Amino acid sequence: MHQTRILLLCLFATGLTLHGQTPAPKVGYLRFWNMLPPQNGDFELCKAGAPESEGNLLSGTAYRYSSYAEFPSTRYRLVVFKKGDRTTPLKTFDVDLRPNTFFTVLVSPQGGAINVELLNDTLDPKAESGTLTVRNYFPGLTVAVLSETRKVVDALPYGNTNSVNGFPLSRVPLTLQTRLPNGTPAESGTEADFRASKRATLLIIPDSYGRFRPRVAIDGKNL
């Protein structure tokens, strides 16, 4: 009787596997953002010590922001290089990519130098309001950001970042105001949807024609 029960359990487990009901693989999420102008070249994210023939994990051209990519959950040692130069690492860091954790590797301007940092985007399940991170990477511009009910950022210079908490978990319209290098006032609108995630990033970057356009990226969700 005991052996029959074991046999039935084994057959049941095999049936689940055959019908595609095996547990989902354990993965974490990485994205790679290059917020530098084109004259700085392209960048790539690689495993430390990996041969060049293995290629990179992720790469980024100028003002490239992307959604998250899945990677097997494990501890990684990551290196950022300028594309075409694997001899000079710009930054090396370790990341424990546990299941359902989210990270951004950000290449950005900082005081005339190149800044490389690892951002932990994993959501706090206890958070009861939305957080907006505003990043100004439009050369030469200082930008103000307003919502319907509050001034989010008064005057954010190029290369600077500001995070603001306390947004309702709903769609929040945003208005950006600046003065272009020729002195012309400019305004643009967008929205952050805190129903999709409790965190979002407002990127102030030129579009492919060099125009002033905001971009909103959802943080901590693979949407």
N, C-alpha and C. Protein backbone atom coordinates (compact mmCIF):
# COMPACT_ATOMS: atom_id res chain seq x y z
N MET A 1 0.83 -1.20 0.00
CA MET A 1 0.00 0.00 0.00
C MET A 1 0.86 1.25 0.00
N HIS A 2 1.91 1.20 0.86
CA HIS A 2 2.81 2.35 0.97
C HIS A 2 3.52 2.60 -0.37
N GLN A 3 3.99 1.51 -1.00
CA GLN A 3 4.68 1.64 -2.28
C GLN A 3 3.74 2.15 -3.37
N THR A 4 2.48 1.73 -3.32
CA THR A 4 1.50 2.20 -4.32
C THR A 4 1.28 3.70 -4.18
N ARG A 5 1.22 4.18 -2.93
CA ARG A 5 1.01 5.61 -2.70
C ARG A 5 2.20 6.41 -3.23
N ILE A 6 3.41 5.94 -2.98
CA ILE A 6 4.61 6.63 -3.47
C ILE A 6 4.60 6.68 -5.00
N LEU A 7 4.21 5.54 -5.63
CA LEU A 7 4.16 5.48 -7.09
C LEU A 7 3.17 6.49 -7.64
N LEU A 8 2.00 6.60 -7.00
CA LEU A 8 0.98 7.55 -7.45
C LEU A 8 1.45 8.99 -7.32
N LEU A 9 2.15 9.30 -6.21
CA LEU A 9 2.68 10.65 -6.01
C LEU A 9 3.71 10.99 -7.08
N CYS A 10 4.56 10.01 -7.41
CA CYS A 10 5.58 10.22 -8.44
C CYS A 10 4.93 10.48 -9.79
N LEU A 11 3.89 9.69 -10.12
CA LEU A 11 3.20 9.87 -11.39
C LEU A 11 2.51 11.23 -11.45
N PHE A 12 1.96 11.67 -10.32
CA PHE A 12 1.29 12.96 -10.27
C PHE A 12 2.30 14.09 -10.51
N ALA A 13 3.46 13.99 -9.85
CA ALA A 13 4.50 15.00 -10.01
C ALA A 13 5.00 15.03 -11.44
N THR A 14 5.16 13.84 -12.05
CA THR A 14 5.60 13.77 -13.44
C THR A 14 4.56 14.40 -14.35
N GLY A 15 3.27 14.17 -14.05
CA GLY A 15 2.20 14.76 -14.86
C GLY A 15 2.24 16.26 -14.81
N LEU A 16 2.53 16.84 -13.64
CA LEU A 16 2.63 18.29 -13.54
C LEU A 16 3.75 18.82 -14.40
N THR A 17 4.89 18.10 -14.42
CA THR A 17 6.02 18.53 -15.22
C THR A 17 5.70 18.46 -16.69
N LEU A 18 5.04 17.37 -17.11
CA LEU A 18 4.72 17.20 -18.51
C LEU A 18 3.73 18.25 -19.00
N HIS A 19 2.88 18.71 -18.11
CA HIS A 19 1.89 19.70 -18.50
C HIS A 19 2.37 21.13 -18.29
N GLY A 20 3.67 21.31 -18.12
CA GLY A 20 4.24 22.65 -18.06
C GLY A 20 3.97 23.39 -16.77
N GLN A 21 3.72 22.67 -15.68
CA GLN A 21 3.42 23.33 -14.42
C GLN A 21 4.59 23.25 -13.45
N THR A 22 5.80 23.21 -13.98
CA THR A 22 6.99 23.22 -13.14
C THR A 22 7.16 24.62 -12.54
N PRO A 23 7.83 24.73 -11.41
CA PRO A 23 8.02 26.05 -10.80
C PRO A 23 8.77 26.99 -11.75
N ALA A 24 8.40 28.26 -11.73
CA ALA A 24 9.06 29.25 -12.57
C ALA A 24 10.51 29.41 -12.12
N PRO A 25 11.43 29.66 -13.06
CA PRO A 25 12.83 29.85 -12.68
C PRO A 25 12.98 31.09 -11.80
N LYS A 26 13.94 31.03 -10.90
CA LYS A 26 14.19 32.15 -9.98
C LYS A 26 15.06 33.18 -10.70
N VAL A 27 14.53 34.37 -10.89
CA VAL A 27 15.26 35.42 -11.61
C VAL A 27 15.19 36.73 -10.85
N GLY A 28 16.20 37.59 -11.11
CA GLY A 28 16.20 38.97 -10.68
C GLY A 28 16.25 39.84 -11.93
N TYR A 29 16.26 41.15 -11.74
CA TYR A 29 16.12 42.05 -12.88
C TYR A 29 17.17 43.17 -12.84
N LEU A 30 17.75 43.40 -14.01
CA LEU A 30 18.74 44.47 -14.19
C LEU A 30 18.38 45.32 -15.39
N ARG A 31 18.64 46.61 -15.31
CA ARG A 31 18.57 47.46 -16.49
C ARG A 31 19.79 48.38 -16.50
N PHE A 32 20.15 48.87 -17.68
CA PHE A 32 21.39 49.63 -17.86
C PHE A 32 21.05 50.93 -18.59
N TRP A 33 21.28 52.05 -17.92
CA TRP A 33 20.94 53.36 -18.48
C TRP A 33 22.19 54.19 -18.73
N ASN A 34 22.30 54.73 -19.94
CA ASN A 34 23.37 55.65 -20.28
C ASN A 34 22.77 57.03 -20.48
N MET A 35 23.04 57.94 -19.55
CA MET A 35 22.45 59.29 -19.60
C MET A 35 23.47 60.35 -20.03
N LEU A 36 24.51 59.94 -20.73
CA LEU A 36 25.53 60.87 -21.21
C LEU A 36 25.28 61.25 -22.66
N PRO A 37 25.74 62.43 -23.08
CA PRO A 37 25.59 62.85 -24.49
C PRO A 37 26.38 61.94 -25.43
N PRO A 38 26.04 61.96 -26.73
CA PRO A 38 26.67 61.06 -27.71
C PRO A 38 28.19 61.17 -27.77
N GLN A 39 28.75 62.37 -27.51
CA GLN A 39 30.20 62.53 -27.63
C GLN A 39 30.98 61.71 -26.61
N ASN A 40 30.28 61.19 -25.59
CA ASN A 40 30.95 60.35 -24.59
C ASN A 40 31.04 58.89 -25.01
N GLY A 41 30.40 58.53 -26.13
CA GLY A 41 30.47 57.15 -26.61
C GLY A 41 29.43 56.26 -25.95
N ASP A 42 29.56 54.96 -26.22
CA ASP A 42 28.63 53.96 -25.68
C ASP A 42 29.31 53.19 -24.56
N PHE A 43 28.49 52.50 -23.75
CA PHE A 43 28.99 51.78 -22.59
C PHE A 43 28.37 50.39 -22.55
N GLU A 44 29.02 49.49 -21.80
CA GLU A 44 28.50 48.14 -21.69
C GLU A 44 28.72 47.59 -20.29
N LEU A 45 27.81 46.70 -19.90
CA LEU A 45 27.85 46.05 -18.60
C LEU A 45 28.23 44.59 -18.81
N CYS A 46 29.30 44.16 -18.12
CA CYS A 46 29.84 42.81 -18.33
C CYS A 46 30.05 42.11 -16.99
N LYS A 47 30.16 40.78 -17.06
CA LYS A 47 30.60 40.01 -15.90
C LYS A 47 32.10 40.20 -15.72
N ALA A 48 32.53 40.40 -14.49
CA ALA A 48 33.96 40.56 -14.22
C ALA A 48 34.70 39.28 -14.59
N GLY A 49 35.79 39.43 -15.31
CA GLY A 49 36.62 38.29 -15.68
C GLY A 49 36.14 37.50 -16.88
N ALA A 50 35.00 37.87 -17.43
CA ALA A 50 34.48 37.13 -18.59
C ALA A 50 35.30 37.48 -19.83
N PRO A 51 35.59 36.49 -20.70
CA PRO A 51 36.33 36.80 -21.93
C PRO A 51 35.51 37.70 -22.84
N GLU A 52 36.21 38.50 -23.65
CA GLU A 52 35.52 39.43 -24.53
C GLU A 52 34.60 38.70 -25.52
N SER A 53 34.97 37.45 -25.84
CA SER A 53 34.17 36.67 -26.78
C SER A 53 32.78 36.35 -26.21
N GLU A 54 32.64 36.43 -24.89
CA GLU A 54 31.36 36.13 -24.25
C GLU A 54 30.35 37.26 -24.45
N GLY A 55 30.83 38.44 -24.85
CA GLY A 55 29.94 39.57 -25.05
C GLY A 55 29.57 40.24 -23.73
N ASN A 56 28.59 41.11 -23.76
CA ASN A 56 28.18 41.81 -22.56
C ASN A 56 26.80 41.35 -22.09
N LEU A 57 26.46 41.76 -20.88
CA LEU A 57 25.12 41.48 -20.37
C LEU A 57 24.11 42.49 -20.92
N LEU A 58 24.52 43.78 -20.89
CA LEU A 58 23.67 44.87 -21.37
C LEU A 58 24.55 45.96 -21.93
N SER A 59 24.00 46.80 -22.80
CA SER A 59 24.77 47.92 -23.35
C SER A 59 23.87 49.14 -23.46
N GLY A 60 24.49 50.32 -23.60
CA GLY A 60 23.70 51.54 -23.66
C GLY A 60 24.33 52.61 -24.52
N THR A 61 23.56 53.10 -25.49
CA THR A 61 23.96 54.25 -26.27
C THR A 61 23.50 55.52 -25.55
N ALA A 62 23.79 56.67 -26.13
CA ALA A 62 23.49 57.95 -25.48
C ALA A 62 22.00 58.09 -25.18
N TYR A 63 21.70 58.52 -23.95
CA TYR A 63 20.33 58.76 -23.50
C TYR A 63 19.44 57.52 -23.65
N ARG A 64 20.05 56.35 -23.51
CA ARG A 64 19.26 55.12 -23.62
C ARG A 64 18.77 54.71 -22.24
N TYR A 65 17.47 54.57 -22.11
CA TYR A 65 16.88 54.00 -20.91
C TYR A 65 16.03 52.81 -21.35
N SER A 66 16.05 51.76 -20.59
CA SER A 66 15.40 50.53 -21.02
C SER A 66 14.58 49.95 -19.88
N SER A 67 13.76 48.97 -20.20
CA SER A 67 13.08 48.20 -19.17
C SER A 67 14.05 47.16 -18.60
N TYR A 68 13.60 46.40 -17.64
CA TYR A 68 14.47 45.41 -16.98
C TYR A 68 14.62 44.15 -17.83
N ALA A 69 15.78 43.53 -17.71
CA ALA A 69 16.04 42.23 -18.32
C ALA A 69 16.18 41.19 -17.20
N GLU A 70 15.74 39.98 -17.47
CA GLU A 70 15.81 38.90 -16.49
C GLU A 70 17.19 38.25 -16.50
N PHE A 71 17.67 37.93 -15.29
CA PHE A 71 18.93 37.19 -15.14
C PHE A 71 18.77 36.18 -14.02
N PRO A 72 19.43 35.02 -14.11
CA PRO A 72 19.33 34.02 -13.04
C PRO A 72 19.76 34.61 -11.70
N SER A 73 19.04 34.26 -10.67
CA SER A 73 19.34 34.78 -9.34
C SER A 73 20.63 34.18 -8.81
N THR A 74 21.60 35.03 -8.55
CA THR A 74 22.88 34.64 -7.96
C THR A 74 23.63 35.92 -7.60
N ARG A 75 24.83 35.78 -7.08
CA ARG A 75 25.65 36.96 -6.79
C ARG A 75 26.56 37.23 -7.99
N TYR A 76 26.55 38.46 -8.47
CA TYR A 76 27.33 38.85 -9.64
C TYR A 76 28.40 39.87 -9.25
N ARG A 77 29.53 39.77 -9.91
CA ARG A 77 30.49 40.88 -9.91
C ARG A 77 30.42 41.50 -11.31
N LEU A 78 29.99 42.75 -11.36
CA LEU A 78 29.72 43.42 -12.62
C LEU A 78 30.74 44.53 -12.86
N VAL A 79 31.03 44.75 -14.14
CA VAL A 79 31.98 45.78 -14.54
C VAL A 79 31.37 46.62 -15.65
N VAL A 80 31.54 47.93 -15.56
CA VAL A 80 31.11 48.84 -16.63
C VAL A 80 32.34 49.30 -17.40
N PHE A 81 32.30 49.14 -18.73
CA PHE A 81 33.38 49.58 -19.61
C PHE A 81 32.83 50.58 -20.63
N LYS A 82 33.73 51.41 -21.13
CA LYS A 82 33.39 52.14 -22.33
C LYS A 82 33.51 51.16 -23.49
N LYS A 83 32.53 51.15 -24.37
CA LYS A 83 32.50 50.17 -25.44
C LYS A 83 33.75 50.29 -26.29
N GLY A 84 34.38 49.14 -26.54
CA GLY A 84 35.61 49.11 -27.32
C GLY A 84 36.87 49.17 -26.48
N ASP A 85 36.72 49.30 -25.15
CA ASP A 85 37.88 49.37 -24.27
C ASP A 85 37.63 48.51 -23.04
N ARG A 86 37.98 47.23 -23.13
CA ARG A 86 37.81 46.32 -22.00
C ARG A 86 39.02 46.35 -21.06
N THR A 87 39.99 47.21 -21.33
CA THR A 87 41.19 47.26 -20.49
C THR A 87 41.04 48.26 -19.34
N THR A 88 40.06 49.15 -19.41
CA THR A 88 39.92 50.20 -18.40
C THR A 88 38.52 50.16 -17.79
N PRO A 89 38.33 49.42 -16.71
CA PRO A 89 37.01 49.38 -16.07
C PRO A 89 36.66 50.74 -15.45
N LEU A 90 35.44 51.20 -15.67
CA LEU A 90 34.99 52.45 -15.08
C LEU A 90 34.46 52.24 -13.67
N LYS A 91 33.88 51.08 -13.43
CA LYS A 91 33.33 50.78 -12.10
C LYS A 91 33.13 49.27 -11.99
N THR A 92 33.45 48.73 -10.82
CA THR A 92 33.21 47.32 -10.52
C THR A 92 32.39 47.25 -9.24
N PHE A 93 31.36 46.46 -9.23
CA PHE A 93 30.57 46.32 -8.01
C PHE A 93 29.92 44.94 -7.96
N ASP A 94 29.58 44.52 -6.74
CA ASP A 94 28.91 43.25 -6.51
C ASP A 94 27.43 43.49 -6.29
N VAL A 95 26.62 42.60 -6.81
CA VAL A 95 25.18 42.70 -6.60
C VAL A 95 24.62 41.31 -6.32
N ASP A 96 23.85 41.22 -5.26
CA ASP A 96 23.18 39.97 -4.90
C ASP A 96 21.79 40.01 -5.54
N LEU A 97 21.69 39.37 -6.70
CA LEU A 97 20.46 39.42 -7.48
C LEU A 97 19.52 38.30 -7.01
N ARG A 98 18.82 38.57 -5.94
CA ARG A 98 17.87 37.59 -5.39
C ARG A 98 16.59 37.58 -6.23
N PRO A 99 15.76 36.55 -6.08
CA PRO A 99 14.51 36.50 -6.86
C PRO A 99 13.66 37.74 -6.63
N ASN A 100 13.17 38.29 -7.75
CA ASN A 100 12.27 39.45 -7.72
C ASN A 100 12.88 40.69 -7.09
N THR A 101 14.21 40.84 -7.24
CA THR A 101 14.85 42.10 -6.89
C THR A 101 15.18 42.85 -8.17
N PHE A 102 15.24 44.17 -8.08
CA PHE A 102 15.39 45.03 -9.25
C PHE A 102 16.52 46.03 -9.03
N PHE A 103 17.39 46.16 -10.04
CA PHE A 103 18.51 47.09 -9.95
C PHE A 103 18.69 47.84 -11.27
N THR A 104 19.16 49.08 -11.17
CA THR A 104 19.54 49.87 -12.33
C THR A 104 21.02 50.21 -12.23
N VAL A 105 21.76 49.96 -13.31
CA VAL A 105 23.14 50.45 -13.42
C VAL A 105 23.07 51.73 -14.23
N LEU A 106 23.46 52.84 -13.62
CA LEU A 106 23.29 54.16 -14.21
C LEU A 106 24.64 54.79 -14.52
N VAL A 107 24.81 55.22 -15.77
CA VAL A 107 25.98 56.01 -16.18
C VAL A 107 25.48 57.43 -16.43
N SER A 108 26.04 58.40 -15.70
CA SER A 108 25.48 59.75 -15.76
C SER A 108 26.58 60.80 -15.58
N PRO A 109 26.27 62.07 -15.92
CA PRO A 109 27.25 63.14 -15.72
C PRO A 109 27.26 63.59 -14.26
N GLN A 110 28.46 63.98 -13.79
CA GLN A 110 28.56 64.50 -12.42
C GLN A 110 29.77 65.42 -12.33
N GLY A 111 29.50 66.71 -12.34
CA GLY A 111 30.58 67.69 -12.20
C GLY A 111 31.64 67.61 -13.28
N GLY A 112 31.23 67.33 -14.51
CA GLY A 112 32.19 67.23 -15.60
C GLY A 112 32.84 65.87 -15.73
N ALA A 113 32.54 64.95 -14.82
CA ALA A 113 33.10 63.60 -14.87
C ALA A 113 31.99 62.60 -15.18
N ILE A 114 32.39 61.33 -15.35
CA ILE A 114 31.44 60.24 -15.59
C ILE A 114 31.17 59.53 -14.28
N ASN A 115 29.91 59.47 -13.90
CA ASN A 115 29.50 58.79 -12.67
C ASN A 115 28.83 57.47 -13.01
N VAL A 116 29.22 56.40 -12.33
CA VAL A 116 28.60 55.08 -12.52
C VAL A 116 28.14 54.60 -11.15
N GLU A 117 26.85 54.25 -11.06
CA GLU A 117 26.33 53.79 -9.77
C GLU A 117 25.32 52.67 -9.96
N LEU A 118 25.14 51.91 -8.89
CA LEU A 118 24.17 50.82 -8.86
C LEU A 118 23.02 51.25 -7.97
N LEU A 119 21.80 51.25 -8.51
CA LEU A 119 20.61 51.68 -7.77
C LEU A 119 19.73 50.48 -7.47
N ASN A 120 19.33 50.35 -6.23
CA ASN A 120 18.42 49.27 -5.83
C ASN A 120 16.99 49.77 -5.98
N ASP A 121 16.26 49.24 -6.97
CA ASP A 121 14.90 49.67 -7.27
C ASP A 121 13.84 48.79 -6.63
N THR A 122 14.25 47.80 -5.86
CA THR A 122 13.29 46.86 -5.29
C THR A 122 12.28 47.59 -4.41
N LEU A 123 11.00 47.32 -4.62
CA LEU A 123 9.94 48.05 -3.93
C LEU A 123 9.85 47.66 -2.46
N ASP A 124 9.51 48.65 -1.65
CA ASP A 124 9.23 48.41 -0.23
C ASP A 124 7.75 48.03 -0.11
N PRO A 125 7.45 46.79 0.27
CA PRO A 125 6.04 46.37 0.34
C PRO A 125 5.23 47.16 1.37
N LYS A 126 5.91 47.83 2.31
CA LYS A 126 5.20 48.58 3.35
C LYS A 126 4.91 50.03 2.93
N ALA A 127 5.44 50.44 1.79
CA ALA A 127 5.23 51.83 1.36
C ALA A 127 3.75 52.08 1.07
N GLU A 128 3.24 53.20 1.53
CA GLU A 128 1.82 53.53 1.37
C GLU A 128 1.60 54.71 0.43
N SER A 129 2.69 55.23 -0.16
CA SER A 129 2.57 56.34 -1.11
C SER A 129 3.64 56.19 -2.18
N GLY A 130 3.53 57.01 -3.22
CA GLY A 130 4.46 56.92 -4.34
C GLY A 130 5.67 57.83 -4.16
N THR A 131 6.78 57.40 -4.77
CA THR A 131 8.02 58.19 -4.76
C THR A 131 8.43 58.48 -6.19
N LEU A 132 8.67 59.76 -6.48
CA LEU A 132 9.12 60.18 -7.80
C LEU A 132 10.56 60.67 -7.71
N THR A 133 11.43 60.07 -8.54
CA THR A 133 12.81 60.53 -8.65
C THR A 133 12.96 61.31 -9.95
N VAL A 134 13.38 62.56 -9.84
CA VAL A 134 13.56 63.43 -11.00
C VAL A 134 15.05 63.52 -11.31
N ARG A 135 15.43 63.19 -12.56
CA ARG A 135 16.83 63.22 -12.99
C ARG A 135 16.95 64.12 -14.22
N ASN A 136 17.72 65.19 -14.08
CA ASN A 136 17.89 66.15 -15.18
C ASN A 136 19.19 65.89 -15.92
N TYR A 137 19.07 65.33 -17.11
CA TYR A 137 20.23 65.05 -17.95
C TYR A 137 20.14 65.77 -19.30
N PHE A 138 19.50 66.94 -19.29
CA PHE A 138 19.44 67.76 -20.50
C PHE A 138 20.49 68.86 -20.35
N PRO A 139 21.58 68.79 -21.14
CA PRO A 139 22.69 69.75 -20.96
C PRO A 139 22.23 71.20 -21.07
N GLY A 140 22.66 71.99 -20.10
CA GLY A 140 22.40 73.43 -20.15
C GLY A 140 21.08 73.88 -19.58
N LEU A 141 20.21 72.95 -19.16
CA LEU A 141 18.89 73.34 -18.69
C LEU A 141 18.74 73.17 -17.18
N THR A 142 18.01 74.11 -16.58
CA THR A 142 17.52 73.98 -15.21
C THR A 142 16.01 73.86 -15.30
N VAL A 143 15.45 72.88 -14.60
CA VAL A 143 14.05 72.51 -14.82
C VAL A 143 13.26 72.57 -13.51
N ALA A 144 12.02 73.08 -13.61
CA ALA A 144 11.05 73.01 -12.51
C ALA A 144 10.00 71.97 -12.86
N VAL A 145 9.53 71.24 -11.85
CA VAL A 145 8.50 70.21 -12.04
C VAL A 145 7.36 70.47 -11.06
N LEU A 146 6.14 70.48 -11.59
CA LEU A 146 4.96 70.70 -10.77
C LEU A 146 3.94 69.59 -11.00
N SER A 147 3.20 69.24 -9.95
CA SER A 147 2.02 68.39 -10.12
C SER A 147 0.79 69.26 -9.93
N GLU A 148 -0.39 68.67 -9.93
CA GLU A 148 -1.61 69.46 -9.77
C GLU A 148 -1.71 70.10 -8.39
N THR A 149 -1.07 69.49 -7.41
CA THR A 149 -1.26 69.94 -6.03
C THR A 149 0.00 70.47 -5.35
N ARG A 150 1.18 70.34 -6.00
CA ARG A 150 2.41 70.72 -5.31
C ARG A 150 3.51 71.03 -6.30
N LYS A 151 4.51 71.77 -5.82
CA LYS A 151 5.72 71.98 -6.60
C LYS A 151 6.68 70.85 -6.25
N VAL A 152 7.00 70.03 -7.23
CA VAL A 152 7.84 68.86 -6.99
C VAL A 152 9.31 69.26 -6.90
N VAL A 153 9.76 70.02 -7.89
CA VAL A 153 11.14 70.51 -7.93
C VAL A 153 11.11 71.96 -8.35
N ASP A 154 11.80 72.81 -7.62
CA ASP A 154 11.77 74.24 -7.92
C ASP A 154 12.73 74.60 -9.06
N ALA A 155 13.98 74.17 -8.96
CA ALA A 155 14.97 74.49 -9.99
C ALA A 155 16.07 73.44 -9.94
N LEU A 156 15.96 72.41 -10.79
CA LEU A 156 16.90 71.30 -10.78
C LEU A 156 17.92 71.49 -11.90
N PRO A 157 19.20 71.72 -11.56
CA PRO A 157 20.21 71.94 -12.60
C PRO A 157 20.58 70.65 -13.31
N TYR A 158 21.28 70.81 -14.43
CA TYR A 158 21.78 69.67 -15.21
C TYR A 158 22.67 68.77 -14.35
N GLY A 159 22.47 67.46 -14.52
CA GLY A 159 23.29 66.47 -13.81
C GLY A 159 22.86 66.20 -12.39
N ASN A 160 21.74 66.82 -11.96
CA ASN A 160 21.28 66.65 -10.58
C ASN A 160 20.04 65.78 -10.49
N THR A 161 19.80 65.26 -9.27
CA THR A 161 18.68 64.35 -9.00
C THR A 161 17.98 64.78 -7.73
N ASN A 162 16.66 64.60 -7.71
CA ASN A 162 15.88 64.88 -6.50
C ASN A 162 14.76 63.86 -6.38
N SER A 163 14.57 63.30 -5.20
CA SER A 163 13.48 62.34 -4.96
C SER A 163 12.45 62.95 -4.03
N VAL A 164 11.18 62.76 -4.37
CA VAL A 164 10.07 63.33 -3.60
C VAL A 164 9.09 62.21 -3.27
N ASN A 165 8.68 62.13 -2.00
CA ASN A 165 7.76 61.11 -1.53
C ASN A 165 6.35 61.68 -1.36
N GLY A 166 5.42 60.80 -1.04
CA GLY A 166 4.10 61.21 -0.62
C GLY A 166 3.07 61.38 -1.72
N PHE A 167 3.32 60.81 -2.89
CA PHE A 167 2.33 60.92 -3.98
C PHE A 167 1.22 59.88 -3.78
N PRO A 168 -0.01 60.23 -4.15
CA PRO A 168 -1.10 59.24 -4.07
C PRO A 168 -0.86 58.11 -5.05
N LEU A 169 -1.36 56.93 -4.73
CA LEU A 169 -1.18 55.77 -5.59
C LEU A 169 -2.22 55.80 -6.71
N SER A 170 -2.03 56.77 -7.60
CA SER A 170 -2.93 57.00 -8.72
C SER A 170 -2.13 57.65 -9.84
N ARG A 171 -2.79 58.05 -10.91
CA ARG A 171 -2.12 58.79 -11.97
C ARG A 171 -1.90 60.23 -11.53
N VAL A 172 -0.66 60.69 -11.66
CA VAL A 172 -0.32 62.05 -11.23
C VAL A 172 0.18 62.84 -12.44
N PRO A 173 -0.58 63.83 -12.93
CA PRO A 173 -0.10 64.67 -14.03
C PRO A 173 1.08 65.52 -13.57
N LEU A 174 2.06 65.69 -14.46
CA LEU A 174 3.25 66.47 -14.16
C LEU A 174 3.47 67.51 -15.25
N THR A 175 3.91 68.69 -14.85
CA THR A 175 4.26 69.76 -15.79
C THR A 175 5.71 70.15 -15.57
N LEU A 176 6.48 70.21 -16.66
CA LEU A 176 7.88 70.61 -16.59
C LEU A 176 8.03 71.97 -17.26
N GLN A 177 8.79 72.84 -16.61
CA GLN A 177 9.03 74.18 -17.13
C GLN A 177 10.52 74.47 -17.13
N THR A 178 10.99 75.10 -18.20
CA THR A 178 12.40 75.46 -18.30
C THR A 178 12.56 76.64 -19.23
N ARG A 179 13.79 77.07 -19.38
CA ARG A 179 14.13 78.11 -20.35
C ARG A 179 15.26 77.55 -21.21
N LEU A 180 15.03 77.46 -22.51
CA LEU A 180 16.01 76.89 -23.42
C LEU A 180 17.26 77.77 -23.50
N PRO A 181 18.38 77.20 -24.00
CA PRO A 181 19.62 77.98 -24.07
C PRO A 181 19.48 79.31 -24.81
N ASN A 182 18.55 79.41 -25.76
CA ASN A 182 18.35 80.68 -26.48
C ASN A 182 17.44 81.64 -25.73
N GLY A 183 17.01 81.25 -24.53
CA GLY A 183 16.18 82.12 -23.71
C GLY A 183 14.69 81.88 -23.84
N THR A 184 14.27 81.01 -24.74
CA THR A 184 12.86 80.76 -24.98
C THR A 184 12.28 79.87 -23.86
N PRO A 185 11.17 80.29 -23.25
CA PRO A 185 10.52 79.41 -22.25
C PRO A 185 9.98 78.15 -22.93
N ALA A 186 10.04 77.05 -22.22
CA ALA A 186 9.52 75.79 -22.76
C ALA A 186 8.78 75.06 -21.65
N GLU A 187 7.72 74.36 -22.04
CA GLU A 187 6.91 73.61 -21.08
C GLU A 187 6.49 72.29 -21.72
N SER A 188 6.43 71.25 -20.91
CA SER A 188 6.01 69.94 -21.40
C SER A 188 5.29 69.21 -20.29
N GLY A 189 4.38 68.33 -20.67
CA GLY A 189 3.60 67.60 -19.68
C GLY A 189 3.72 66.10 -19.85
N THR A 190 3.53 65.38 -18.74
CA THR A 190 3.50 63.92 -18.75
C THR A 190 2.76 63.48 -17.49
N GLU A 191 2.80 62.20 -17.17
CA GLU A 191 2.20 61.73 -15.93
C GLU A 191 2.97 60.54 -15.39
N ALA A 192 2.94 60.40 -14.08
CA ALA A 192 3.49 59.23 -13.40
C ALA A 192 2.33 58.39 -12.90
N ASP A 193 2.32 57.12 -13.23
CA ASP A 193 1.22 56.24 -12.85
C ASP A 193 1.66 55.40 -11.65
N PHE A 194 1.29 55.84 -10.46
CA PHE A 194 1.68 55.13 -9.25
C PHE A 194 0.72 53.98 -8.93
N ARG A 195 -0.23 53.71 -9.83
CA ARG A 195 -1.01 52.48 -9.70
C ARG A 195 -0.19 51.29 -10.19
N ALA A 196 0.68 51.53 -11.18
CA ALA A 196 1.52 50.47 -11.74
C ALA A 196 2.65 50.09 -10.80
N SER A 197 3.21 51.09 -10.13
CA SER A 197 4.31 50.86 -9.19
C SER A 197 4.34 52.03 -8.21
N LYS A 198 4.88 51.79 -7.04
CA LYS A 198 4.98 52.85 -6.04
C LYS A 198 6.20 53.74 -6.26
N ARG A 199 6.98 53.43 -7.29
CA ARG A 199 8.15 54.25 -7.59
C ARG A 199 8.23 54.50 -9.09
N ALA A 200 8.66 55.70 -9.45
CA ALA A 200 8.84 56.06 -10.85
C ALA A 200 9.99 57.05 -10.96
N THR A 201 10.62 57.08 -12.14
CA THR A 201 11.70 58.03 -12.42
C THR A 201 11.28 58.93 -13.57
N LEU A 202 11.40 60.24 -13.37
CA LEU A 202 11.16 61.22 -14.42
C LEU A 202 12.52 61.60 -14.99
N LEU A 203 12.75 61.21 -16.25
CA LEU A 203 14.01 61.50 -16.94
C LEU A 203 13.83 62.74 -17.82
N ILE A 204 14.69 63.72 -17.62
CA ILE A 204 14.67 64.92 -18.45
C ILE A 204 15.87 64.81 -19.38
N ILE A 205 15.61 64.38 -20.62
CA ILE A 205 16.66 64.11 -21.60
C ILE A 205 16.21 64.62 -22.96
N PRO A 206 17.16 64.93 -23.85
CA PRO A 206 16.76 65.31 -25.21
C PRO A 206 16.21 64.10 -25.96
N ASP A 207 15.27 64.35 -26.88
CA ASP A 207 14.87 63.28 -27.78
C ASP A 207 15.88 63.18 -28.92
N SER A 208 15.61 62.35 -29.90
CA SER A 208 16.59 62.12 -30.97
C SER A 208 16.84 63.36 -31.82
N TYR A 209 15.97 64.36 -31.71
CA TYR A 209 16.15 65.61 -32.44
C TYR A 209 16.67 66.73 -31.54
N GLY A 210 17.02 66.39 -30.30
CA GLY A 210 17.54 67.39 -29.38
C GLY A 210 16.47 68.23 -28.71
N ARG A 211 15.21 67.81 -28.80
CA ARG A 211 14.12 68.60 -28.24
C ARG A 211 13.88 68.25 -26.78
N PHE A 212 13.25 69.17 -26.07
CA PHE A 212 12.95 69.04 -24.65
C PHE A 212 11.70 68.18 -24.48
N ARG A 213 11.88 66.95 -24.02
CA ARG A 213 10.76 66.04 -23.80
C ARG A 213 11.03 65.19 -22.54
N PRO A 214 10.08 65.12 -21.62
CA PRO A 214 10.27 64.26 -20.44
C PRO A 214 9.95 62.80 -20.76
N ARG A 215 10.52 61.92 -19.98
CA ARG A 215 10.24 60.49 -20.08
C ARG A 215 10.00 59.96 -18.67
N VAL A 216 9.00 59.10 -18.50
CA VAL A 216 8.73 58.50 -17.19
C VAL A 216 8.99 57.00 -17.28
N ALA A 217 9.80 56.48 -16.37
CA ALA A 217 10.10 55.05 -16.31
C ALA A 217 9.56 54.49 -15.00
N ILE A 218 8.95 53.33 -15.07
CA ILE A 218 8.45 52.65 -13.87
C ILE A 218 9.61 51.91 -13.22
N ASP A 219 9.75 52.07 -11.91
CA ASP A 219 10.83 51.42 -11.16
C ASP A 219 10.29 50.22 -10.39
N GLY A 220 11.10 49.16 -10.34
CA GLY A 220 10.78 48.03 -9.47
C GLY A 220 9.69 47.11 -9.96
N LYS A 221 9.30 47.23 -11.24
CA LYS A 221 8.31 46.33 -11.83
C LYS A 221 8.74 46.01 -13.26
N ASN A 222 8.62 44.75 -13.64
CA ASN A 222 9.01 44.35 -14.99
C ASN A 222 7.80 44.47 -15.90
N LEU A 223 7.47 45.69 -16.28
CA LEU A 223 6.28 45.96 -17.09
C LEU A 223 6.64 46.05 -18.57
